[in-house]
N, C-alpha and C. Protein backbone atom coordinates (compact mmCIF):
# COMPACT_ATOMS: atom_id res chain seq x y z
N MET A 1 66.15 -24.89 40.95
CA MET A 1 66.43 -26.13 41.41
C MET A 1 67.47 -26.63 41.68
N ASN A 2 67.94 -27.57 41.55
CA ASN A 2 69.80 -27.46 42.10
C ASN A 2 68.56 -29.57 41.23
N ILE A 3 69.77 -29.62 40.73
CA ILE A 3 70.03 -31.16 40.09
C ILE A 3 69.69 -31.93 41.48
N ARG A 4 70.27 -32.44 41.40
CA ARG A 4 69.30 -33.62 43.23
C ARG A 4 67.73 -33.31 43.49
N GLY A 5 67.16 -32.52 42.76
CA GLY A 5 65.87 -32.20 42.74
C GLY A 5 65.08 -32.91 42.24
N PHE A 6 65.86 -32.47 40.79
CA PHE A 6 65.25 -32.90 39.73
C PHE A 6 65.44 -34.20 39.73
N ALA A 7 65.91 -34.78 40.32
CA ALA A 7 66.67 -36.55 40.11
C ALA A 7 65.73 -36.67 41.08
N ALA A 8 65.81 -36.79 42.00
CA ALA A 8 64.63 -36.88 43.23
C ALA A 8 63.31 -37.22 42.16
N LEU A 9 62.87 -36.24 41.63
CA LEU A 9 61.46 -35.97 41.10
C LEU A 9 61.06 -36.53 40.22
N ALA A 10 62.32 -36.92 39.63
CA ALA A 10 62.51 -37.87 38.13
C ALA A 10 61.79 -39.07 39.00
N ARG A 11 63.17 -39.14 39.57
CA ARG A 11 62.97 -40.96 41.18
C ARG A 11 61.39 -41.03 41.53
N MET A 12 60.66 -40.37 41.40
CA MET A 12 59.63 -40.38 42.71
C MET A 12 58.65 -40.94 41.62
N HIS A 13 58.46 -39.98 40.27
CA HIS A 13 57.19 -40.35 39.46
C HIS A 13 57.45 -41.57 38.79
N ARG A 14 58.61 -42.43 38.58
CA ARG A 14 59.17 -43.87 38.17
C ARG A 14 59.03 -43.96 38.83
N PHE A 15 59.02 -44.22 40.11
CA PHE A 15 58.08 -45.17 40.92
C PHE A 15 56.79 -45.31 41.05
N ARG A 16 56.12 -44.20 41.04
CA ARG A 16 54.45 -44.09 40.74
C ARG A 16 54.13 -45.28 39.72
N MET A 17 55.13 -44.43 38.88
CA MET A 17 54.61 -45.68 37.53
C MET A 17 55.06 -46.58 37.40
N ASP A 18 55.68 -47.63 38.49
CA ASP A 18 55.87 -48.77 38.32
C ASP A 18 55.23 -48.86 39.11
N GLN A 19 54.37 -48.61 40.21
CA GLN A 19 53.37 -48.86 41.29
C GLN A 19 52.63 -49.48 40.87
N HIS A 20 52.31 -48.43 38.84
CA HIS A 20 50.51 -48.09 38.55
C HIS A 20 50.85 -49.42 37.43
N ARG A 21 52.10 -50.19 36.93
CA ARG A 21 52.09 -50.96 35.71
C ARG A 21 52.17 -52.24 36.77
N ARG A 22 52.34 -52.22 38.82
CA ARG A 22 52.04 -52.66 38.73
C ARG A 22 51.25 -53.44 39.06
N LYS A 23 49.71 -52.46 39.36
CA LYS A 23 48.25 -52.61 39.60
C LYS A 23 47.92 -53.35 38.56
N ALA A 24 48.25 -52.89 37.06
CA ALA A 24 47.85 -53.07 35.80
C ALA A 24 47.48 -54.21 35.41
N VAL A 25 49.47 -55.42 36.03
CA VAL A 25 49.40 -56.00 35.72
C VAL A 25 48.37 -57.09 36.06
N GLU A 26 48.46 -56.81 37.50
CA GLU A 26 47.02 -57.60 38.41
C GLU A 26 46.38 -57.16 37.95
N ILE A 27 45.58 -56.35 37.85
CA ILE A 27 44.09 -56.04 37.32
C ILE A 27 44.35 -56.77 35.95
N GLU A 28 44.84 -57.59 34.93
CA GLU A 28 45.13 -57.84 33.35
C GLU A 28 44.37 -59.33 34.26
N GLY A 29 45.53 -59.61 35.13
CA GLY A 29 45.45 -60.63 36.06
C GLY A 29 44.15 -61.76 35.96
N MET A 30 43.77 -60.80 36.44
CA MET A 30 41.72 -61.11 37.18
C MET A 30 41.06 -60.63 35.51
N ARG A 31 41.74 -60.19 34.86
CA ARG A 31 40.83 -59.90 33.74
C ARG A 31 40.67 -61.36 33.16
N ALA A 32 42.03 -61.59 33.17
CA ALA A 32 42.65 -62.90 32.17
C ALA A 32 41.36 -64.48 32.60
N LYS A 33 41.68 -64.18 34.00
CA LYS A 33 40.93 -65.29 34.96
C LYS A 33 38.65 -65.05 35.20
N PHE A 34 38.93 -63.82 34.57
CA PHE A 34 37.09 -64.04 34.73
C PHE A 34 37.12 -64.07 32.82
N LEU A 35 37.71 -63.59 32.43
CA LEU A 35 37.70 -64.18 30.65
C LEU A 35 37.97 -65.54 30.56
N GLY A 36 38.99 -66.70 31.35
CA GLY A 36 38.26 -67.81 31.49
C GLY A 36 38.16 -68.42 31.64
N GLN A 37 37.05 -68.22 33.61
CA GLN A 37 36.11 -67.98 34.08
C GLN A 37 34.50 -68.69 32.77
N ASP A 38 34.67 -67.35 31.82
CA ASP A 38 33.90 -67.15 31.54
C ASP A 38 33.40 -68.27 29.97
N ALA A 39 35.02 -68.64 29.82
CA ALA A 39 34.55 -69.99 28.41
C ALA A 39 34.68 -70.94 28.66
N THR A 40 34.93 -71.51 30.68
CA THR A 40 34.84 -71.98 30.62
C THR A 40 32.85 -72.66 30.79
N LEU A 41 32.57 -71.51 31.71
CA LEU A 41 30.89 -71.41 32.34
C LEU A 41 30.48 -71.64 30.60
N GLU A 42 30.63 -70.98 29.70
CA GLU A 42 30.43 -71.90 28.24
C GLU A 42 30.91 -73.26 27.99
N GLN A 43 31.55 -73.15 27.95
CA GLN A 43 31.63 -74.66 27.02
C GLN A 43 30.85 -75.79 28.52
N GLU A 44 30.68 -75.31 29.77
CA GLU A 44 30.19 -75.91 30.42
C GLU A 44 28.27 -76.05 29.51
N LEU A 45 27.80 -75.14 29.65
CA LEU A 45 26.84 -74.92 29.02
C LEU A 45 26.32 -75.63 27.90
N ALA A 46 27.45 -75.80 26.84
CA ALA A 46 27.30 -76.65 25.76
C ALA A 46 27.31 -77.65 25.87
N ARG A 47 28.51 -77.73 26.61
CA ARG A 47 28.82 -79.93 27.29
C ARG A 47 27.24 -80.45 27.15
N GLU A 48 26.19 -79.52 28.75
CA GLU A 48 25.28 -80.04 29.00
C GLU A 48 24.34 -80.34 27.90
N THR A 49 23.66 -79.18 27.41
CA THR A 49 23.62 -78.40 26.20
C THR A 49 23.52 -80.35 25.36
N SER A 50 24.39 -80.21 24.88
CA SER A 50 24.56 -81.44 24.02
C SER A 50 24.30 -82.63 24.49
N ALA A 51 24.79 -82.79 25.57
CA ALA A 51 24.28 -84.14 26.47
C ALA A 51 22.70 -84.44 26.59
N LEU A 52 22.01 -84.00 26.45
CA LEU A 52 20.43 -83.28 27.32
C LEU A 52 20.15 -83.35 25.98
N SER A 53 18.74 -84.54 26.51
CA SER A 53 17.88 -84.75 24.77
C SER A 53 16.63 -84.39 25.35
N ARG A 54 15.54 -83.77 23.89
CA ARG A 54 14.51 -83.17 24.47
C ARG A 54 13.80 -84.21 25.10
N ALA A 55 13.78 -85.49 24.85
CA ALA A 55 12.82 -86.45 25.70
C ALA A 55 13.00 -86.17 27.20
N ASP A 56 14.32 -85.90 27.72
CA ASP A 56 14.78 -85.59 28.70
C ASP A 56 13.66 -85.60 30.08
N LEU A 57 13.75 -86.08 31.16
CA LEU A 57 12.48 -84.91 32.06
C LEU A 57 13.37 -84.42 32.75
N ALA A 58 14.49 -83.86 32.53
CA ALA A 58 15.21 -83.42 32.88
C ALA A 58 15.00 -81.38 33.23
N MET A 59 14.86 -81.39 31.93
CA MET A 59 14.72 -80.30 31.47
C MET A 59 13.99 -79.32 32.42
N THR A 60 13.32 -78.96 32.95
CA THR A 60 13.25 -78.62 34.16
C THR A 60 14.71 -77.60 34.47
N ASN A 61 15.43 -78.63 35.79
CA ASN A 61 16.54 -79.15 36.34
C ASN A 61 17.50 -78.61 35.47
N PHE A 62 17.27 -78.29 33.94
CA PHE A 62 17.88 -78.11 32.74
C PHE A 62 17.63 -76.25 32.80
N ALA A 63 16.68 -75.91 32.68
CA ALA A 63 16.74 -74.61 32.83
C ALA A 63 16.52 -73.89 34.25
N ILE A 64 16.79 -74.71 34.80
CA ILE A 64 17.11 -73.46 35.93
C ILE A 64 18.42 -74.06 36.31
N PHE A 65 19.78 -74.47 36.05
CA PHE A 65 20.95 -75.10 35.26
C PHE A 65 21.87 -73.45 34.60
N ALA A 66 20.50 -73.86 33.42
CA ALA A 66 20.95 -72.76 32.81
C ALA A 66 20.75 -71.04 33.36
N LYS A 67 19.72 -70.27 33.53
CA LYS A 67 19.83 -69.68 34.49
C LYS A 67 20.98 -69.31 35.37
N HIS A 68 20.95 -70.26 35.97
CA HIS A 68 22.20 -70.32 37.05
C HIS A 68 23.58 -69.79 36.18
N ILE A 69 23.30 -70.36 34.70
CA ILE A 69 25.29 -70.12 34.59
C ILE A 69 24.83 -68.79 33.99
N GLU A 70 23.97 -68.71 33.45
CA GLU A 70 23.73 -67.22 32.52
C GLU A 70 23.69 -65.89 33.78
N THR A 71 23.33 -66.34 34.64
CA THR A 71 23.70 -65.49 36.16
C THR A 71 25.19 -65.52 36.17
N ARG A 72 25.83 -66.49 35.84
CA ARG A 72 26.80 -66.14 36.65
C ARG A 72 27.73 -65.72 35.66
N ARG A 73 27.74 -65.97 34.39
CA ARG A 73 28.73 -64.82 33.43
C ARG A 73 27.80 -63.48 32.60
N ALA A 74 26.67 -63.03 34.02
CA ALA A 74 26.69 -61.95 33.26
C ALA A 74 27.85 -61.20 34.61
N THR A 75 27.70 -61.64 35.18
CA THR A 75 28.14 -60.92 36.73
C THR A 75 29.78 -61.05 36.11
N LEU A 76 30.11 -62.33 35.93
CA LEU A 76 31.71 -62.26 35.16
C LEU A 76 32.46 -60.91 34.17
N ALA A 77 30.72 -60.99 32.99
CA ALA A 77 31.05 -59.42 32.38
C ALA A 77 30.95 -58.19 33.12
N GLU A 78 30.38 -57.99 34.04
CA GLU A 78 29.98 -57.16 34.53
C GLU A 78 31.97 -56.65 35.44
N SER A 79 31.97 -57.80 35.99
CA SER A 79 33.95 -57.90 36.67
C SER A 79 35.04 -57.30 35.60
N ILE A 80 34.72 -58.67 34.60
CA ILE A 80 35.24 -57.76 33.62
C ILE A 80 35.32 -56.58 33.16
N ALA A 81 34.32 -56.14 32.82
CA ALA A 81 34.52 -54.55 32.55
C ALA A 81 35.26 -53.34 33.32
N ASP A 82 34.75 -54.20 34.23
CA ASP A 82 34.77 -53.25 35.62
C ASP A 82 36.97 -53.60 35.54
N ALA A 83 36.74 -54.11 35.28
CA ALA A 83 38.57 -54.74 35.62
C ALA A 83 39.06 -53.55 34.41
N THR A 84 37.88 -53.64 32.73
CA THR A 84 38.42 -53.27 31.81
C THR A 84 38.73 -51.64 31.80
N ARG A 85 37.19 -51.15 32.75
CA ARG A 85 37.29 -49.64 33.14
C ARG A 85 38.65 -49.13 34.41
N ALA A 86 39.06 -50.15 34.76
CA ALA A 86 40.11 -50.10 36.22
C ALA A 86 41.63 -49.71 34.97
N LEU A 87 41.27 -50.88 34.09
CA LEU A 87 43.12 -50.45 33.62
C LEU A 87 43.22 -49.77 32.72
N GLY A 88 41.81 -48.76 32.14
CA GLY A 88 42.36 -46.75 31.86
C GLY A 88 42.46 -46.39 32.16
N ARG A 89 41.90 -46.38 34.05
CA ARG A 89 41.72 -45.04 34.61
C ARG A 89 43.99 -45.16 34.66
N ILE A 90 44.47 -46.58 35.46
CA ILE A 90 45.84 -46.93 35.34
C ILE A 90 46.25 -46.50 34.45
N ASN A 91 46.08 -46.78 33.52
CA ASN A 91 46.71 -46.58 32.15
C ASN A 91 46.69 -44.68 31.70
N GLU A 92 45.72 -44.14 32.32
CA GLU A 92 45.70 -42.88 32.21
C GLU A 92 46.74 -41.79 33.23
N HIS A 93 47.49 -42.63 34.66
CA HIS A 93 47.30 -42.37 36.17
C HIS A 93 49.34 -42.44 35.46
N MET A 94 49.94 -43.58 34.70
CA MET A 94 51.16 -44.25 34.40
C MET A 94 51.33 -42.99 33.61
N ALA A 95 50.85 -42.34 32.29
CA ALA A 95 50.74 -41.68 31.36
C ALA A 95 50.84 -39.67 32.09
N ILE A 96 50.24 -39.78 33.29
CA ILE A 96 50.95 -38.99 33.63
C ILE A 96 51.34 -38.50 34.33
N GLU A 97 52.19 -39.88 35.59
CA GLU A 97 53.60 -40.07 36.00
C GLU A 97 54.55 -40.03 35.25
N TYR A 98 54.52 -40.72 33.35
CA TYR A 98 56.03 -40.78 32.33
C TYR A 98 55.67 -39.16 32.13
N ARG A 99 54.43 -38.43 31.42
CA ARG A 99 54.84 -37.37 31.62
C ARG A 99 56.13 -36.40 32.30
N GLU A 100 55.08 -37.10 33.83
CA GLU A 100 56.00 -35.69 34.73
C GLU A 100 57.33 -36.22 35.09
N ALA A 101 57.91 -37.45 34.69
CA ALA A 101 59.07 -38.08 35.67
C ALA A 101 59.94 -37.02 33.91
N LYS A 102 59.52 -37.79 32.58
CA LYS A 102 60.60 -37.25 31.56
C LYS A 102 60.25 -35.66 31.91
N LYS A 103 59.08 -34.86 32.19
CA LYS A 103 59.27 -33.44 32.18
C LYS A 103 60.42 -32.86 33.51
N PHE A 104 61.34 -33.98 34.69
CA PHE A 104 62.33 -33.76 35.37
C PHE A 104 63.30 -34.04 34.54
N GLU A 105 63.46 -35.43 33.74
CA GLU A 105 64.75 -35.56 33.52
C GLU A 105 65.12 -34.98 32.68
N LEU A 106 63.97 -33.76 31.64
CA LEU A 106 64.66 -33.33 30.62
C LEU A 106 65.60 -31.78 31.21
N ALA A 107 64.57 -31.44 32.46
CA ALA A 107 64.99 -30.04 33.25
C ALA A 107 66.52 -31.03 34.01
N LEU A 108 66.62 -32.17 34.13
CA LEU A 108 68.02 -32.31 34.84
C LEU A 108 68.83 -32.18 33.82
N GLU A 109 69.01 -32.98 32.03
CA GLU A 109 69.68 -32.95 31.27
C GLU A 109 69.96 -31.61 30.79
N ARG A 110 68.55 -31.16 30.67
CA ARG A 110 69.06 -29.53 30.54
C ARG A 110 70.00 -28.98 31.83
N GLU A 111 69.77 -29.04 32.99
CA GLU A 111 70.67 -27.91 33.76
C GLU A 111 72.10 -29.02 33.90
N GLY A 112 72.35 -29.94 32.97
CA GLY A 112 73.39 -30.85 33.64
C GLY A 112 74.87 -30.27 32.27
N LYS A 113 73.58 -30.33 31.42
CA LYS A 113 74.33 -29.42 30.29
C LYS A 113 74.52 -27.92 30.35
N ARG A 114 73.87 -26.37 30.24
CA ARG A 114 74.19 -25.57 31.24
C ARG A 114 74.84 -25.55 32.02
N GLN A 115 75.38 -26.09 33.15
CA GLN A 115 76.54 -26.30 33.91
C GLN A 115 77.81 -26.86 33.32
N LYS A 116 77.58 -28.05 32.28
CA LYS A 116 78.68 -28.04 31.49
C LYS A 116 79.51 -27.20 30.54
N GLN A 117 78.32 -26.56 30.49
CA GLN A 117 78.76 -25.34 29.12
C GLN A 117 79.32 -24.13 30.25
N LEU A 118 78.66 -23.98 31.31
CA LEU A 118 79.29 -22.94 31.84
C LEU A 118 81.04 -23.23 32.45
N ALA A 119 81.12 -24.86 32.74
CA ALA A 119 82.51 -24.84 33.00
C ALA A 119 83.35 -25.01 31.99
N ALA A 120 82.71 -24.99 30.51
CA ALA A 120 83.61 -25.36 29.68
C ALA A 120 84.30 -23.21 29.19
N LYS A 121 82.97 -22.72 29.92
CA LYS A 121 82.91 -21.60 30.05
C LYS A 121 84.41 -20.77 30.22
N VAL A 122 84.15 -21.19 31.61
CA VAL A 122 84.93 -20.94 33.16
C VAL A 122 86.71 -20.94 32.70
N GLU A 123 86.72 -22.45 32.00
CA GLU A 123 87.73 -23.12 31.69
C GLU A 123 88.96 -22.46 30.10
N GLN A 124 87.55 -22.04 29.40
CA GLN A 124 87.88 -21.19 28.20
C GLN A 124 88.16 -19.86 28.74
N ASP A 125 88.10 -19.51 28.94
CA ASP A 125 88.08 -17.60 29.64
C ASP A 125 89.55 -17.76 30.51
N GLN A 126 89.88 -18.94 31.45
CA GLN A 126 91.21 -19.67 32.44
C GLN A 126 91.90 -19.38 30.95
N LEU A 127 91.88 -19.87 30.09
CA LEU A 127 92.58 -20.43 28.85
C LEU A 127 93.53 -18.74 28.40
N ASP A 128 92.00 -18.02 28.22
CA ASP A 128 92.46 -16.81 27.08
C ASP A 128 93.05 -16.23 28.35
N GLU A 129 92.92 -16.34 29.70
CA GLU A 129 93.33 -15.20 30.24
C GLU A 129 95.20 -15.42 30.63
N ILE A 130 95.73 -16.96 30.41
CA ILE A 130 96.77 -17.60 29.58
C ILE A 130 97.17 -17.43 28.76
N GLY A 131 96.64 -17.59 27.44
CA GLY A 131 97.29 -16.82 26.56
C GLY A 131 97.18 -15.33 26.59
N LEU A 132 96.74 -14.71 26.61
CA LEU A 132 96.96 -13.14 26.90
C LEU A 132 98.41 -12.70 28.30
N THR A 133 98.61 -13.38 29.04
CA THR A 133 99.44 -12.88 29.93
C THR A 133 100.64 -13.14 28.84
N TYR A 134 100.86 -14.19 28.08
CA TYR A 134 101.52 -14.97 27.30
C TYR A 134 101.55 -14.36 26.35
N SER A 135 100.79 -13.66 25.91
CA SER A 135 101.19 -12.70 24.80
C SER A 135 101.49 -11.32 25.50
N ARG A 136 101.36 -11.06 26.15
CA ARG A 136 101.22 -9.75 27.22
C ARG A 136 103.45 -9.56 27.50
N ARG A 137 103.89 -11.18 27.28
CA ARG A 137 105.16 -11.41 28.15
C ARG A 137 105.79 -10.96 27.04
N ALA A 138 105.40 -11.25 25.64
CA ALA A 138 105.91 -11.68 24.82
C ALA A 138 106.66 -9.67 24.15
N PHE A 139 105.72 -8.45 24.40
CA PHE A 139 105.87 -7.30 23.57
C PHE A 139 106.48 -7.19 25.10
């Protein structure tokens, strides 16, 4: 494969890796938002619990409120777990794309070195030929 092919493949894998990275940032943002919502719900429940006295007649309403908060927190916990799993998958895909990009970048580097060595050999052969020509003329 020629150098342009290696360069194109390396760019393609870098592009895919960047796409995965953007998706990971998006999911991490969602995960942080879910964690923030969970913390807010926990604070709200603690605030309401501390404001409630045991003799309060609103205990029935509070029980419903507390159950609703726990249900929402369970849903958020599930969403957080889903986001964490998605981040793991995306990180795996990014690692694969990185390895592929690196493979083609190394191949590109090797091909560049090979071409430089070939050019240096051709130049040395030409210089050797010039040297032989001059030494033949000298005798």
